[in-house]
Structure formats: C-alpha cells, structure tokens
Amino acid sequence: MIGAANNAPTASVAVVLPVHNTAPTLLSEAIRSISRQSFKPQEVILVDDGSCPPVRMSDVPSIKNAAIRGIRLERNRGPAY
C-alpha cells in the first residue's frame, strides 16, 4: 500500500496468536516478542482454544498502539479448525 502523504510504503499488520493451556509467563514472552518486530501490529488476536482454565486477558501485557482482543473457543478444536 502507498501512503497518501508522501508515497512511502506502509504496512498494516495483524497477528493471530493461538493459545491452549499456555503459561502466563510464556504468553507474556510471546506478546513481548510480537512488540519487538520491525512492523508493529495494529491488532493482536488471541485465540484461546479451550484452555482450562481460560486465558485471562488481565495476564496479557499491552502493546503500545495495538489493540489486543481475545476469542475463546469453549472446547479444544485443534490447529485445523
């Protein structure tokens, strides 16, 4: 995509992060890794694939200028769903 103001290339990045029974420390490290990428995401979508207990959004660190939202599947559906 070309930016309107200066014809500079711009990128819009969204990250989908599937999780299942993921430890909060590992989830935090994944979010930190996402935030350190060259292209900063505008949105991060956490898909909780039936974790027990469910992922708490309060355990998820924020990323500056990125919306983080969660989707919870009631039961584990696996990677192909």
Protein backbone atom coordinates (compact mmCIF):
# COMPACT_ATOMS: atom_id res chain seq x y z
CA MET A 1 0.00 0.00 0.00
CA ILE A 2 1.25 3.50 -0.76
CA GLY A 3 0.84 6.25 1.83
CA ALA A 4 -1.13 9.24 0.57
CA ALA A 5 1.04 11.99 2.07
CA ASN A 6 4.50 11.05 0.82
CA ASN A 7 4.00 7.92 -1.31
CA ALA A 8 6.02 5.98 1.29
CA PRO A 9 5.12 2.30 1.64
CA THR A 10 3.06 1.50 4.70
CA ALA A 11 2.11 -1.85 6.19
CA SER A 12 -0.83 -2.91 8.26
CA VAL A 13 -0.06 -5.92 10.41
CA ALA A 14 -2.38 -8.10 12.47
CA VAL A 15 -1.11 -11.06 14.48
CA VAL A 16 -3.22 -14.11 15.33
CA LEU A 17 -1.82 -15.96 18.35
CA PRO A 18 -3.42 -19.34 19.09
CA VAL A 19 -3.06 -20.49 22.71
CA HIS A 20 -4.04 -23.62 24.60
CA ASN A 21 -3.17 -24.09 28.28
CA THR A 22 -0.32 -21.60 27.85
CA ALA A 23 1.52 -20.46 30.97
CA PRO A 24 1.13 -16.71 31.63
CA THR A 25 4.92 -16.24 31.51
CA LEU A 26 5.12 -17.84 28.05
CA LEU A 27 2.17 -15.76 26.84
CA SER A 28 3.86 -12.59 28.12
CA GLU A 29 7.08 -13.52 26.30
CA ALA A 30 5.15 -14.12 23.07
CA ILE A 31 3.50 -10.69 23.33
CA ARG A 32 6.86 -9.04 24.06
CA SER A 33 8.33 -10.79 21.02
CA ILE A 34 5.47 -9.52 18.84
CA SER A 35 6.03 -5.98 20.10
CA ARG A 36 9.74 -6.10 19.16
CA GLN A 37 9.15 -6.88 15.48
CA SER A 38 10.08 -4.42 12.72
CA PHE A 39 6.46 -3.99 11.68
CA LYS A 40 4.42 -3.16 14.75
CA PRO A 41 0.99 -4.81 14.76
CA GLN A 42 -2.13 -2.72 14.81
CA GLU A 43 -4.03 -5.66 16.26
CA VAL A 44 -3.22 -8.87 18.14
CA ILE A 45 -5.92 -11.53 18.29
CA LEU A 46 -5.52 -14.20 20.96
CA VAL A 47 -7.48 -17.35 20.16
CA ASP A 48 -7.91 -19.42 23.32
CA ASP A 49 -8.54 -22.94 22.05
CA GLY A 50 -10.49 -24.26 25.04
CA SER A 51 -7.83 -23.76 27.72
CA CYS A 52 -8.63 -24.95 31.22
CA PRO A 53 -8.60 -22.55 32.97
CA PRO A 54 -9.33 -19.95 30.29
CA VAL A 55 -6.70 -17.34 29.41
CA ARG A 56 -7.32 -14.21 31.45
CA MET A 57 -6.89 -11.05 29.42
CA SER A 58 -5.54 -9.40 32.59
CA ASP A 59 -2.48 -11.70 32.21
CA VAL A 60 -1.76 -10.31 28.75
CA PRO A 61 0.64 -7.35 28.61
CA SER A 62 -0.33 -4.44 26.40
CA ILE A 63 1.44 -3.32 23.24
CA LYS A 64 1.65 0.38 22.52
CA ASN A 65 -0.72 1.42 19.70
CA ALA A 66 -2.06 -2.12 19.22
CA ALA A 67 -5.49 -3.41 20.05
CA ILE A 68 -5.40 -6.79 21.79
CA ARG A 69 -8.56 -8.82 21.78
CA GLY A 70 -9.39 -12.33 22.76
CA ILE A 71 -11.57 -15.01 21.23
CA ARG A 72 -12.44 -18.01 23.39
CA LEU A 73 -13.47 -21.35 21.94
CA GLU A 74 -15.42 -23.36 24.51
CA ARG A 75 -13.64 -26.61 23.69
CA ASN A 76 -10.32 -27.54 22.13
CA ARG A 77 -10.68 -27.74 18.36
CA GLY A 78 -7.05 -28.16 17.35
CA PRO A 79 -4.92 -26.35 14.79
CA ALA A 80 -7.05 -27.21 11.75
CA TYR A 81 -10.23 -25.55 12.98
